[in-house]
Amino acid sequence: MAGESRIMMIKFESPTSEFYAEVKEKSSVRELMKIITKVWGDEHMRLYHKSKEMKCDQFLSAYNIKDGSIVKVQVLAEAPDHHPLNHVCTNNVKFMEKNRNLNRFSNILGLIHCVS
């Protein structure tokens, strides 16, 4: 059927563990992060495919992820700094919602710092 997203099997690897999950071909990186959080319980992470860091607002197709691809997971002890040039996102939505105004202010300061 046209427009229907196919299912792919993706392998997730960290330095200490691995698992497989089925994902839709048209999934976003943010959706992969949700799957990892459900399985491992870690909320702060970075994902890599073929040594390229994946951005949460991108779709899997941006990284040429296919059935059988391997996604490397770097689990972080705490949330990365929220800097305007840091495109890494965390799956910690509550943290982001509570600190939305603070993040806007820090982004402005970060832009000022980058320009100066």
PDB file of N, CA and C in Angstrom:
ATOM      1  N   MET A   1       0.829  -1.176   0.000  1.00  0.00           N
ATOM      2  CA  MET A   1       0.000   0.000   0.000  1.00  0.00           C
ATOM      3  C   MET A   1       0.882   1.251   0.000  1.00  0.00           C
ATOM      4  N   ALA A   2       0.569   2.228  -0.847  1.00  0.00           N
ATOM      5  CA  ALA A   2       1.375   3.446  -0.974  1.00  0.00           C
ATOM      6  C   ALA A   2       1.336   4.249   0.317  1.00  0.00           C
ATOM      7  N   GLY A   3       2.478   4.811   0.700  1.00  0.00           N
ATOM      8  CA  GLY A   3       2.552   5.637   1.898  1.00  0.00           C
ATOM      9  C   GLY A   3       2.712   4.860   3.190  1.00  0.00           C
ATOM     10  N   GLU A   4       2.579   3.543   3.129  1.00  0.00           N
ATOM     11  CA  GLU A   4       2.711   2.735   4.335  1.00  0.00           C
ATOM     12  C   GLU A   4       4.184   2.522   4.652  1.00  0.00           C
ATOM     13  N   SER A   5       4.538   2.685   5.904  1.00  0.00           N
ATOM     14  CA  SER A   5       5.922   2.561   6.330  1.00  0.00           C
ATOM     15  C   SER A   5       6.259   1.096   6.607  1.00  0.00           C
ATOM     16  N   ARG A   6       7.365   0.631   6.026  1.00  0.00           N
ATOM     17  CA  ARG A   6       7.810  -0.741   6.255  1.00  0.00           C
ATOM     18  C   ARG A   6       8.454  -0.854   7.630  1.00  0.00           C
ATOM     19  N   ILE A   7       8.518  -2.056   8.144  1.00  0.00           N
ATOM     20  CA  ILE A   7       9.144  -2.342   9.435  1.00  0.00           C
ATOM     21  C   ILE A   7      10.573  -2.829   9.202  1.00  0.00           C
ATOM     22  N   MET A   8      11.500  -2.293  10.000  1.00  0.00           N
ATOM     23  CA  MET A   8      12.906  -2.693   9.906  1.00  0.00           C
ATOM     24  C   MET A   8      13.355  -3.213  11.270  1.00  0.00           C
ATOM     25  N   MET A   9      14.338  -4.093  11.256  1.00  0.00           N
ATOM     26  CA  MET A   9      14.960  -4.585  12.485  1.00  0.00           C
ATOM     27  C   MET A   9      16.274  -3.829  12.654  1.00  0.00           C
ATOM     28  N   ILE A  10      16.415  -3.132  13.791  1.00  0.00           N
ATOM     29  CA  ILE A  10      17.606  -2.344  14.089  1.00  0.00           C
ATOM     30  C   ILE A  10      18.278  -2.937  15.325  1.00  0.00           C
ATOM     31  N   LYS A  11      19.606  -2.965  15.321  1.00  0.00           N
ATOM     32  CA  LYS A  11      20.370  -3.422  16.475  1.00  0.00           C
ATOM     33  C   LYS A  11      20.900  -2.193  17.216  1.00  0.00           C
ATOM     34  N   PHE A  12      20.693  -2.165  18.529  1.00  0.00           N
ATOM     35  CA  PHE A  12      21.198  -1.093  19.373  1.00  0.00           C
ATOM     36  C   PHE A  12      22.328  -1.661  20.222  1.00  0.00           C
ATOM     37  N   GLU A  13      23.471  -0.971  20.221  1.00  0.00           N
ATOM     38  CA  GLU A  13      24.634  -1.439  20.979  1.00  0.00           C
ATOM     39  C   GLU A  13      25.159  -0.336  21.883  1.00  0.00           C
ATOM     40  N   SER A  14      25.449  -0.705  23.123  1.00  0.00           N
ATOM     41  CA  SER A  14      26.194   0.166  24.030  1.00  0.00           C
ATOM     42  C   SER A  14      27.467  -0.600  24.374  1.00  0.00           C
ATOM     43  N   PRO A  15      28.395   0.014  25.095  1.00  0.00           N
ATOM     44  CA  PRO A  15      29.612  -0.721  25.454  1.00  0.00           C
ATOM     45  C   PRO A  15      29.347  -1.975  26.300  1.00  0.00           C
ATOM     46  N   THR A  16      28.197  -2.032  26.975  1.00  0.00           N
ATOM     47  CA  THR A  16      27.944  -3.160  27.879  1.00  0.00           C
ATOM     48  C   THR A  16      26.744  -4.021  27.512  1.00  0.00           C
ATOM     49  N   SER A  17      25.956  -3.600  26.514  1.00  0.00           N
ATOM     50  CA  SER A  17      24.729  -4.334  26.229  1.00  0.00           C
ATOM     51  C   SER A  17      24.299  -4.118  24.787  1.00  0.00           C
ATOM     52  N   GLU A  18      23.339  -4.912  24.355  1.00  0.00           N
ATOM     53  CA  GLU A  18      22.764  -4.754  23.020  1.00  0.00           C
ATOM     54  C   GLU A  18      21.361  -5.342  23.005  1.00  0.00           C
ATOM     55  N   PHE A  19      20.546  -4.856  22.068  1.00  0.00           N
ATOM     56  CA  PHE A  19      19.219  -5.439  21.844  1.00  0.00           C
ATOM     57  C   PHE A  19      18.756  -5.081  20.443  1.00  0.00           C
ATOM     58  N   TYR A  20      17.752  -5.802  19.985  1.00  0.00           N
ATOM     59  CA  TYR A  20      17.152  -5.566  18.673  1.00  0.00           C
ATOM     60  C   TYR A  20      15.741  -5.026  18.871  1.00  0.00           C
ATOM     61  N   ALA A  21      15.320  -4.183  17.943  1.00  0.00           N
ATOM     62  CA  ALA A  21      13.952  -3.667  17.990  1.00  0.00           C
ATOM     63  C   ALA A  21      13.443  -3.450  16.574  1.00  0.00           C
ATOM     64  N   GLU A  22      12.147  -3.635  16.416  1.00  0.00           N
ATOM     65  CA  GLU A  22      11.511  -3.344  15.136  1.00  0.00           C
ATOM     66  C   GLU A  22      11.066  -1.886  15.157  1.00  0.00           C
ATOM     67  N   VAL A  23      11.374  -1.170  14.079  1.00  0.00           N
ATOM     68  CA  VAL A  23      10.991   0.233  13.960  1.00  0.00           C
ATOM     69  C   VAL A  23      10.420   0.473  12.570  1.00  0.00           C
ATOM     70  N   LYS A  24       9.602   1.485  12.473  1.00  0.00           N
ATOM     71  CA  LYS A  24       9.066   1.854  11.164  1.00  0.00           C
ATOM     72  C   LYS A  24      10.132   2.588  10.371  1.00  0.00           C
ATOM     73  N   GLU A  25      10.152   2.340   9.080  1.00  0.00           N
ATOM     74  CA  GLU A  25      11.129   2.940   8.188  1.00  0.00           C
ATOM     75  C   GLU A  25      11.103   4.471   8.266  1.00  0.00           C
ATOM     76  N   LYS A  26       9.950   5.056   8.488  1.00  0.00           N
ATOM     77  CA  LYS A  26       9.806   6.515   8.527  1.00  0.00           C
ATOM     78  C   LYS A  26       9.891   7.079   9.936  1.00  0.00           C
ATOM     79  N   SER A  27      10.486   6.345  10.864  1.00  0.00           N
ATOM     80  CA  SER A  27      10.623   6.799  12.243  1.00  0.00           C
ATOM     81  C   SER A  27      11.651   7.922  12.348  1.00  0.00           C
ATOM     82  N   SER A  28      11.536   8.671  13.442  1.00  0.00           N
ATOM     83  CA  SER A  28      12.520   9.716  13.732  1.00  0.00           C
ATOM     84  C   SER A  28      13.529   9.186  14.756  1.00  0.00           C
ATOM     85  N   VAL A  29      14.621   9.902  14.894  1.00  0.00           N
ATOM     86  CA  VAL A  29      15.615   9.549  15.895  1.00  0.00           C
ATOM     87  C   VAL A  29      15.002   9.662  17.294  1.00  0.00           C
ATOM     88  N   ARG A  30      14.145  10.644  17.504  1.00  0.00           N
ATOM     89  CA  ARG A  30      13.470  10.806  18.802  1.00  0.00           C
ATOM     90  C   ARG A  30      12.682   9.538  19.156  1.00  0.00           C
ATOM     91  N   GLU A  31      12.054   8.908  18.168  1.00  0.00           N
ATOM     92  CA  GLU A  31      11.311   7.667  18.419  1.00  0.00           C
ATOM     93  C   GLU A  31      12.256   6.532  18.811  1.00  0.00           C
ATOM     94  N   LEU A  32      13.451   6.505  18.230  1.00  0.00           N
ATOM     95  CA  LEU A  32      14.438   5.495  18.638  1.00  0.00           C
ATOM     96  C   LEU A  32      14.826   5.702  20.098  1.00  0.00           C
ATOM     97  N   MET A  33      14.983   6.966  20.492  1.00  0.00           N
ATOM     98  CA  MET A  33      15.359   7.269  21.867  1.00  0.00           C
ATOM     99  C   MET A  33      14.279   6.802  22.846  1.00  0.00           C
ATOM    100  N   LYS A  34      13.034   6.916  22.458  1.00  0.00           N
ATOM    101  CA  LYS A  34      11.936   6.445  23.309  1.00  0.00           C
ATOM    102  C   LYS A  34      12.009   4.929  23.489  1.00  0.00           C
ATOM    103  N   ILE A  35      12.335   4.222  22.419  1.00  0.00           N
ATOM    104  CA  ILE A  35      12.470   2.757  22.497  1.00  0.00           C
ATOM    105  C   ILE A  35      13.601   2.388  23.449  1.00  0.00           C
ATOM    106  N   ILE A  36      14.731   3.042  23.315  1.00  0.00           N
ATOM    107  CA  ILE A  36      15.887   2.756  24.172  1.00  0.00           C
ATOM    108  C   ILE A  36      15.556   3.035  25.633  1.00  0.00           C
ATOM    109  N   THR A  37      14.865   4.130  25.884  1.00  0.00           N
ATOM    110  CA  THR A  37      14.483   4.480  27.254  1.00  0.00           C
ATOM    111  C   THR A  37      13.576   3.407  27.855  1.00  0.00           C
ATOM    112  N   LYS A  38      12.653   2.886  27.060  1.00  0.00           N
ATOM    113  CA  LYS A  38      11.765   1.826  27.560  1.00  0.00           C
ATOM    114  C   LYS A  38      12.544   0.561  27.907  1.00  0.00           C
ATOM    115  N   VAL A  39      13.548   0.236  27.107  1.00  0.00           N
ATOM    116  CA  VAL A  39      14.300  -1.005  27.316  1.00  0.00           C
ATOM    117  C   VAL A  39      15.341  -0.855  28.422  1.00  0.00           C
ATOM    118  N   TRP A  40      16.150   0.206  28.359  1.00  0.00           N
ATOM    119  CA  TRP A  40      17.260   0.367  29.299  1.00  0.00           C
ATOM    120  C   TRP A  40      16.967   1.324  30.439  1.00  0.00           C
ATOM    121  N   GLY A  41      15.948   2.166  30.298  1.00  0.00           N
ATOM    122  CA  GLY A  41      15.610   3.108  31.362  1.00  0.00           C
ATOM    123  C   GLY A  41      16.497   4.340  31.412  1.00  0.00           C
ATOM    124  N   ASP A  42      17.454   4.455  30.520  1.00  0.00           N
ATOM    125  CA  ASP A  42      18.338   5.616  30.497  1.00  0.00           C
ATOM    126  C   ASP A  42      17.681   6.744  29.713  1.00  0.00           C
ATOM    127  N   GLU A  43      17.722   7.946  30.293  1.00  0.00           N
ATOM    128  CA  GLU A  43      17.071   9.082  29.644  1.00  0.00           C
ATOM    129  C   GLU A  43      18.037   9.972  28.883  1.00  0.00           C
ATOM    130  N   HIS A  44      19.294   9.922  29.194  1.00  0.00           N
ATOM    131  CA  HIS A  44      20.266  10.810  28.570  1.00  0.00           C
ATOM    132  C   HIS A  44      21.205   9.978  27.711  1.00  0.00           C
ATOM    133  N   MET A  45      21.213  10.271  26.413  1.00  0.00           N
ATOM    134  CA  MET A  45      22.016   9.451  25.512  1.00  0.00           C
ATOM    135  C   MET A  45      22.345  10.209  24.239  1.00  0.00           C
ATOM    136  N   ARG A  46      23.305   9.686  23.540  1.00  0.00           N
ATOM    137  CA  ARG A  46      23.628  10.123  22.190  1.00  0.00           C
ATOM    138  C   ARG A  46      23.614   8.880  21.323  1.00  0.00           C
ATOM    139  N   LEU A  47      23.115   9.033  20.111  1.00  0.00           N
ATOM    140  CA  LEU A  47      23.046   7.915  19.175  1.00  0.00           C
ATOM    141  C   LEU A  47      23.966   8.186  17.996  1.00  0.00           C
ATOM    142  N   TYR A  48      24.611   7.122  17.507  1.00  0.00           N
ATOM    143  CA  TYR A  48      25.532   7.234  16.381  1.00  0.00           C
ATOM    144  C   TYR A  48      25.235   6.127  15.377  1.00  0.00           C
ATOM    145  N   HIS A  49      25.338   6.476  14.108  1.00  0.00           N
ATOM    146  CA  HIS A  49      25.264   5.477  13.050  1.00  0.00           C
ATOM    147  C   HIS A  49      26.457   5.720  12.130  1.00  0.00           C
ATOM    148  N   LYS A  50      27.304   4.713  11.989  1.00  0.00           N
ATOM    149  CA  LYS A  50      28.532   4.808  11.197  1.00  0.00           C
ATOM    150  C   LYS A  50      29.354   6.026  11.629  1.00  0.00           C
ATOM    151  N   SER A  51      29.534   6.174  12.939  1.00  0.00           N
ATOM    152  CA  SER A  51      30.337   7.230  13.570  1.00  0.00           C
ATOM    153  C   SER A  51      29.757   8.638  13.427  1.00  0.00           C
ATOM    154  N   LYS A  52      28.568   8.778  12.887  1.00  0.00           N
ATOM    155  CA  LYS A  52      27.938  10.094  12.747  1.00  0.00           C
ATOM    156  C   LYS A  52      26.882  10.254  13.839  1.00  0.00           C
ATOM    157  N   GLU A  53      26.994  11.338  14.614  1.00  0.00           N
ATOM    158  CA  GLU A  53      26.030  11.578  15.675  1.00  0.00           C
ATOM    159  C   GLU A  53      24.668  11.906  15.077  1.00  0.00           C
ATOM    160  N   MET A  54      23.636  11.269  15.607  1.00  0.00           N
ATOM    161  CA  MET A  54      22.287  11.431  15.089  1.00  0.00           C
ATOM    162  C   MET A  54      21.569  12.533  15.863  1.00  0.00           C
ATOM    163  N   LYS A  55      20.841  13.373  15.148  1.00  0.00           N
ATOM    164  CA  LYS A  55      20.084  14.471  15.749  1.00  0.00           C
ATOM    165  C   LYS A  55      18.633  14.049  15.897  1.00  0.00           C
ATOM    166  N   CYS A  56      18.043  14.374  17.047  1.00  0.00           N
ATOM    167  CA  CYS A  56      16.710  13.870  17.372  1.00  0.00           C
ATOM    168  C   CYS A  56      15.620  14.377  16.445  1.00  0.00           C
ATOM    169  N   ASP A  57      15.831  15.509  15.787  1.00  0.00           N
ATOM    170  CA  ASP A  57      14.782  16.047  14.921  1.00  0.00           C
ATOM    171  C   ASP A  57      14.869  15.510  13.490  1.00  0.00           C
ATOM    172  N   GLN A  58      15.751  14.552  13.252  1.00  0.00           N
ATOM    173  CA  GLN A  58      15.919  13.972  11.923  1.00  0.00           C
ATOM    174  C   GLN A  58      15.209  12.621  11.821  1.00  0.00           C
ATOM    175  N   PHE A  59      14.935  12.218  10.596  1.00  0.00           N
ATOM    176  CA  PHE A  59      14.364  10.906  10.348  1.00  0.00           C
ATOM    177  C   PHE A  59      15.490   9.910  10.068  1.00  0.00           C
ATOM    178  N   LEU A  60      15.206   8.632  10.215  1.00  0.00           N
ATOM    179  CA  LEU A  60      16.212   7.597  10.008  1.00  0.00           C
ATOM    180  C   LEU A  60      16.795   7.640   8.597  1.00  0.00           C
ATOM    181  N   SER A  61      15.992   8.047   7.646  1.00  0.00           N
ATOM    182  CA  SER A  61      16.456   8.120   6.261  1.00  0.00           C
ATOM    183  C   SER A  61      17.609   9.109   6.101  1.00  0.00           C
ATOM    184  N   ALA A  62      17.691  10.115   6.968  1.00  0.00           N
ATOM    185  CA  ALA A  62      18.782  11.085   6.898  1.00  0.00           C
ATOM    186  C   ALA A  62      20.134  10.430   7.178  1.00  0.00           C
ATOM    187  N   TYR A  63      20.117   9.285   7.846  1.00  0.00           N
ATOM    188  CA  TYR A  63      21.342   8.564   8.192  1.00  0.00           C
ATOM    189  C   TYR A  63      21.476   7.258   7.424  1.00  0.00           C
ATOM    190  N   ASN A  64      20.625   7.087   6.429  1.00  0.00           N
ATOM    191  CA  ASN A  64      20.651   5.886   5.581  1.00  0.00           C
ATOM    192  C   ASN A  64      20.523   4.607   6.403  1.00  0.00           C
ATOM    193  N   ILE A  65      19.657   4.643   7.399  1.00  0.00           N
ATOM    194  CA  ILE A  65      19.428   3.463   8.234  1.00  0.00           C
ATOM    195  C   ILE A  65      18.462   2.529   7.517  1.00  0.00           C
ATOM    196  N   LYS A  66      18.880   1.298   7.422  1.00  0.00           N
ATOM    197  CA  LYS A  66      18.113   0.263   6.717  1.00  0.00           C
ATOM    198  C   LYS A  66      17.888  -0.917   7.653  1.00  0.00           C
ATOM    199  N   ASP A  67      17.133  -1.900   7.181  1.00  0.00           N
ATOM    200  CA  ASP A  67      16.928  -3.124   7.926  1.00  0.00           C
ATOM    201  C   ASP A  67      18.289  -3.751   8.215  1.00  0.00           C
ATOM    202  N   GLY A  68      18.567  -4.045   9.485  1.00  0.00           N
ATOM    203  CA  GLY A  68      19.831  -4.649   9.880  1.00  0.00           C
ATOM    204  C   GLY A  68      20.903  -3.648  10.302  1.00  0.00           C
ATOM    205  N   SER A  69      20.609  -2.353  10.232  1.00  0.00           N
ATOM    206  CA  SER A  69      21.587  -1.343  10.647  1.00  0.00           C
ATOM    207  C   SER A  69      21.884  -1.451  12.137  1.00  0.00           C
ATOM    208  N   ILE A  70      23.057  -0.947  12.519  1.00  0.00           N
ATOM    209  CA  ILE A  70      23.468  -0.931  13.921  1.00  0.00           C
ATOM    210  C   ILE A  70      23.560   0.517  14.383  1.00  0.00           C
ATOM    211  N   VAL A  71      22.892   0.817  15.487  1.00  0.00           N
ATOM    212  CA  VAL A  71      22.944   2.147  16.099  1.00  0.00           C
ATOM    213  C   VAL A  71      23.719   2.011  17.401  1.00  0.00           C
ATOM    214  N   LYS A  72      24.781   2.783  17.524  1.00  0.00           N
ATOM    215  CA  LYS A  72      25.590   2.792  18.745  1.00  0.00           C
ATOM    216  C   LYS A  72      24.978   3.781  19.718  1.00  0.00           C
ATOM    217  N   VAL A  73      24.879   3.383  20.984  1.00  0.00           N
ATOM    218  CA  VAL A  73      24.272   4.208  22.023  1.00  0.00           C
ATOM    219  C   VAL A  73      25.326   4.597  23.041  1.00  0.00           C
ATOM    220  N   GLN A  74      25.495   5.886  23.250  1.00  0.00           N
ATOM    221  CA  GLN A  74      26.376   6.391  24.300  1.00  0.00           C
ATOM    222  C   GLN A  74      25.470   6.907  25.408  1.00  0.00           C
ATOM    223  N   VAL A  75      25.457   6.225  26.535  1.00  0.00           N
ATOM    224  CA  VAL A  75      24.632   6.620  27.674  1.00  0.00           C
ATOM    225  C   VAL A  75      25.392   7.656  28.486  1.00  0.00           C
ATOM    226  N   LEU A  76      24.723   8.757  28.805  1.00  0.00           N
ATOM    227  CA  LEU A  76      25.334   9.850  29.551  1.00  0.00           C
ATOM    228  C   LEU A  76      24.853   9.819  30.995  1.00  0.00           C
ATOM    229  N   ALA A  77      25.711  10.178  31.923  1.00  0.00           N
ATOM    230  CA  ALA A  77      25.351  10.191  33.340  1.00  0.00           C
ATOM    231  C   ALA A  77      24.337  11.288  33.640  1.00  0.00           C
ATOM    232  N   GLU A  78      24.387  12.393  32.881  1.00  0.00           N
ATOM    233  CA  GLU A  78      23.446  13.496  33.081  1.00  0.00           C
ATOM    234  C   GLU A  78      23.174  14.144  31.736  1.00  0.00           C
ATOM    235  N   ALA A  79      22.186  15.023  31.708  1.00  0.00           N
ATOM    236  CA  ALA A  79      21.806  15.685  30.466  1.00  0.00           C
ATOM    237  C   ALA A  79      22.967  16.529  29.947  1.00  0.00           C
ATOM    238  N   PRO A  80      23.175  16.523  28.631  1.00  0.00           N
ATOM    239  CA  PRO A  80      24.219  17.377  28.069  1.00  0.00           C
ATOM    240  C   PRO A  80      23.809  18.839  28.192  1.00  0.00           C
ATOM    241  N   ASP A  81      24.792  19.739  28.131  1.00  0.00           N
ATOM    242  CA  ASP A  81      24.490  21.165  28.176  1.00  0.00           C
ATOM    243  C   ASP A  81      23.567  21.518  27.025  1.00  0.00           C
ATOM    244  N   HIS A  82      22.601  22.393  27.284  1.00  0.00           N
ATOM    245  CA  HIS A  82      21.671  22.836  26.247  1.00  0.00           C
ATOM    246  C   HIS A  82      22.208  24.122  25.645  1.00  0.00           C
ATOM    247  N   HIS A  83      23.059  23.978  24.673  1.00  0.00           N
ATOM    248  CA  HIS A  83      23.684  25.094  23.989  1.00  0.00           C
ATOM    249  C   HIS A  83      23.100  25.137  22.584  1.00  0.00           C
ATOM    250  N   PRO A  84      22.893  26.322  21.979  1.00  0.00           N
ATOM    251  CA  PRO A  84      22.271  26.389  20.660  1.00  0.00           C
ATOM    252  C   PRO A  84      23.031  25.610  19.579  1.00  0.00           C
ATOM    253  N   LEU A  85      24.324  25.412  19.767  1.00  0.00           N
ATOM    254  CA  LEU A  85      25.084  24.666  18.775  1.00  0.00           C
ATOM    255  C   LEU A  85      25.109  23.181  19.077  1.00  0.00           C
ATOM    256  N   ASN A  86      24.591  22.780  20.233  1.00  0.00           N
ATOM    257  CA  ASN A  86      24.542  21.375  20.617  1.00  0.00           C
ATOM    258  C   ASN A  86      23.218  20.804  20.135  1.00  0.00           C
ATOM    259  N   HIS A  87      23.248  19.973  19.099  1.00  0.00           N
ATOM    260  CA  HIS A  87      22.023  19.460  18.489  1.00  0.00           C
ATOM    261  C   HIS A  87      21.564  18.146  19.098  1.00  0.00           C
ATOM    262  N   VAL A  88      22.194  17.736  20.174  1.00  0.00           N
ATOM    263  CA  VAL A  88      21.811  16.492  20.824  1.00  0.00           C
ATOM    264  C   VAL A  88      20.565  16.752  21.653  1.00  0.00           C
ATOM    265  N   CYS A  89      19.628  15.863  21.605  1.00  0.00           N
ATOM    266  CA  CYS A  89      18.458  16.027  22.459  1.00  0.00           C
ATOM    267  C   CYS A  89      18.396  14.849  23.414  1.00  0.00           C
ATOM    268  N   THR A  90      17.755  15.065  24.526  1.00  0.00           N
ATOM    269  CA  THR A  90      17.539  13.967  25.449  1.00  0.00           C
ATOM    270  C   THR A  90      16.066  13.607  25.400  1.00  0.00           C
ATOM    271  N   ASN A  91      15.748  12.493  25.929  1.00  0.00           N
ATOM    272  CA  ASN A  91      14.369  12.035  25.962  1.00  0.00           C
ATOM    273  C   ASN A  91      13.682  12.490  27.246  1.00  0.00           C
ATOM    274  N   ASN A  92      14.329  13.347  28.011  1.00  0.00           N
ATOM    275  CA  ASN A  92      13.792  13.789  29.287  1.00  0.00           C
ATOM    276  C   ASN A  92      12.856  14.971  29.066  1.00  0.00           C
ATOM    277  N   VAL A  93      11.631  14.692  28.643  1.00  0.00           N
ATOM    278  CA  VAL A  93      10.674  15.725  28.273  1.00  0.00           C
ATOM    279  C   VAL A  93      10.278  16.576  29.472  1.00  0.00           C
ATOM    280  N   LYS A  94      10.097  15.979  30.636  1.00  0.00           N
ATOM    281  CA  LYS A  94       9.701  16.744  31.822  1.00  0.00           C
ATOM    282  C   LYS A  94      10.753  17.789  32.155  1.00  0.00           C
ATOM    283  N   PHE A  95      12.027  17.424  32.059  1.00  0.00           N
ATOM    284  CA  PHE A  95      13.102  18.369  32.327  1.00  0.00           C
ATOM    285  C   PHE A  95      13.016  19.550  31.365  1.00  0.00           C
ATOM    286  N   MET A  96      12.777  19.258  30.101  1.00  0.00           N
ATOM    287  CA  MET A  96      12.700  20.311  29.092  1.00  0.00           C
ATOM    288  C   MET A  96      11.507  21.221  29.337  1.00  0.00           C
ATOM    289  N   GLU A  97      10.351  20.661  29.696  1.00  0.00           N
ATOM    290  CA  GLU A  97       9.165  21.471  29.930  1.00  0.00           C
ATOM    291  C   GLU A  97       9.343  22.389  31.135  1.00  0.00           C
ATOM    292  N   LYS A  98       9.921  21.859  32.206  1.00  0.00           N
ATOM    293  CA  LYS A  98      10.112  22.655  33.411  1.00  0.00           C
ATOM    294  C   LYS A  98      11.105  23.786  33.197  1.00  0.00           C
ATOM    295  N   ASN A  99      12.046  23.572  32.312  1.00  0.00           N
ATOM    296  CA  ASN A  99      13.111  24.540  32.118  1.00  0.00           C
ATOM    297  C   ASN A  99      13.017  25.270  30.779  1.00  0.00           C
ATOM    298  N   ARG A 100      11.815  25.310  30.178  1.00  0.00           N
ATOM    299  CA  ARG A 100      11.639  25.923  28.865  1.00  0.00           C
ATOM    300  C   ARG A 100      12.087  27.384  28.867  1.00  0.00           C
ATOM    301  N   ASN A 101      11.622  28.178  29.842  1.00  0.00           N
ATOM    302  CA  ASN A 101      11.997  29.588  29.874  1.00  0.00           C
ATOM    303  C   ASN A 101      13.483  29.754  30.149  1.00  0.00           C
ATOM    304  N   LEU A 102      14.029  28.956  31.027  1.00  0.00           N
ATOM    305  CA  LEU A 102      15.450  29.012  31.311  1.00  0.00           C
ATOM    306  C   LEU A 102      16.252  28.651  30.065  1.00  0.00           C
ATOM    307  N   ASN A 103      15.791  27.642  29.318  1.00  0.00           N
ATOM    308  CA  ASN A 103      16.482  27.244  28.094  1.00  0.00           C
ATOM    309  C   ASN A 103      16.468  28.359  27.064  1.00  0.00           C
ATOM    310  N   ARG A 104      15.329  29.060  26.922  1.00  0.00           N
ATOM    311  CA  ARG A 104      15.261  30.176  25.976  1.00  0.00           C
ATOM    312  C   ARG A 104      16.275  31.242  26.354  1.00  0.00           C
ATOM    313  N   PHE A 105      16.343  31.557  27.650  1.00  0.00           N
ATOM    314  CA  PHE A 105      17.271  32.572  28.120  1.00  0.00           C
ATOM    315  C   PHE A 105      18.718  32.132  27.890  1.00  0.00           C
ATOM    316  N   SER A 106      19.017  30.878  28.208  1.00  0.00           N
ATOM    317  CA  SER A 106      20.388  30.397  28.024  1.00  0.00           C
ATOM    318  C   SER A 106      20.743  30.320  26.540  1.00  0.00           C
ATOM    319  N   ASN A 107      19.758  30.028  25.665  1.00  0.00           N
ATOM    320  CA  ASN A 107      20.023  30.030  24.226  1.00  0.00           C
ATOM    321  C   ASN A 107      20.379  31.421  23.749  1.00  0.00           C
ATOM    322  N   ILE A 108      19.681  32.426  24.264  1.00  0.00           N
ATOM    323  CA  ILE A 108      19.994  33.808  23.898  1.00  0.00           C
ATOM    324  C   ILE A 108      21.395  34.153  24.358  1.00  0.00           C
ATOM    325  N   LEU A 109      21.718  33.801  25.603  1.00  0.00           N
ATOM    326  CA  LEU A 109      23.068  34.056  26.103  1.00  0.00           C
ATOM    327  C   LEU A 109      24.099  33.310  25.274  1.00  0.00           C
ATOM    328  N   GLY A 110      23.787  32.074  24.897  1.00  0.00           N
ATOM    329  CA  GLY A 110      24.713  31.292  24.087  1.00  0.00           C
ATOM    330  C   GLY A 110      24.939  31.934  22.723  1.00  0.00           C
ATOM    331  N   LEU A 111      23.874  32.473  22.115  1.00  0.00           N
ATOM    332  CA  LEU A 111      24.029  33.151  20.831  1.00  0.00           C
ATOM    333  C   LEU A 111      24.892  34.404  21.001  1.00  0.00           C
ATOM    334  N   ILE A 112      24.679  35.132  22.077  1.00  0.00           N
ATOM    335  CA  ILE A 112      25.482  36.325  22.333  1.00  0.00           C
ATOM    336  C   ILE A 112      26.940  35.918  22.494  1.00  0.00           C
ATOM    337  N   HIS A 113      27.172  34.834  23.236  1.00  0.00           N
ATOM    338  CA  HIS A 113      28.536  34.359  23.460  1.00  0.00           C
ATOM    339  C   HIS A 113      29.177  33.928  22.133  1.00  0.00           C
ATOM    340  N   CYS A 114      28.419  33.270  21.272  1.00  0.00           N
ATOM    341  CA  CYS A 114      28.964  32.786  20.009  1.00  0.00           C
ATOM    342  C   CYS A 114      29.313  33.944  19.074  1.00  0.00           C
ATOM    343  N   VAL A 115      28.552  35.023  19.134  1.00  0.00           N
ATOM    344  CA  VAL A 115      28.772  36.162  18.257  1.00  0.00           C
ATOM    345  C   VAL A 115      29.953  36.996  18.738  1.00  0.00           C
ATOM    346  N   SER A 116      30.097  37.117  20.053  1.00  0.00           N
ATOM    347  CA  SER A 116      31.151  37.985  20.582  1.00  0.00           C
ATOM    348  C   SER A 116      32.520  37.398  20.421  1.00  0.00           C
TER     349      SER A 116
END
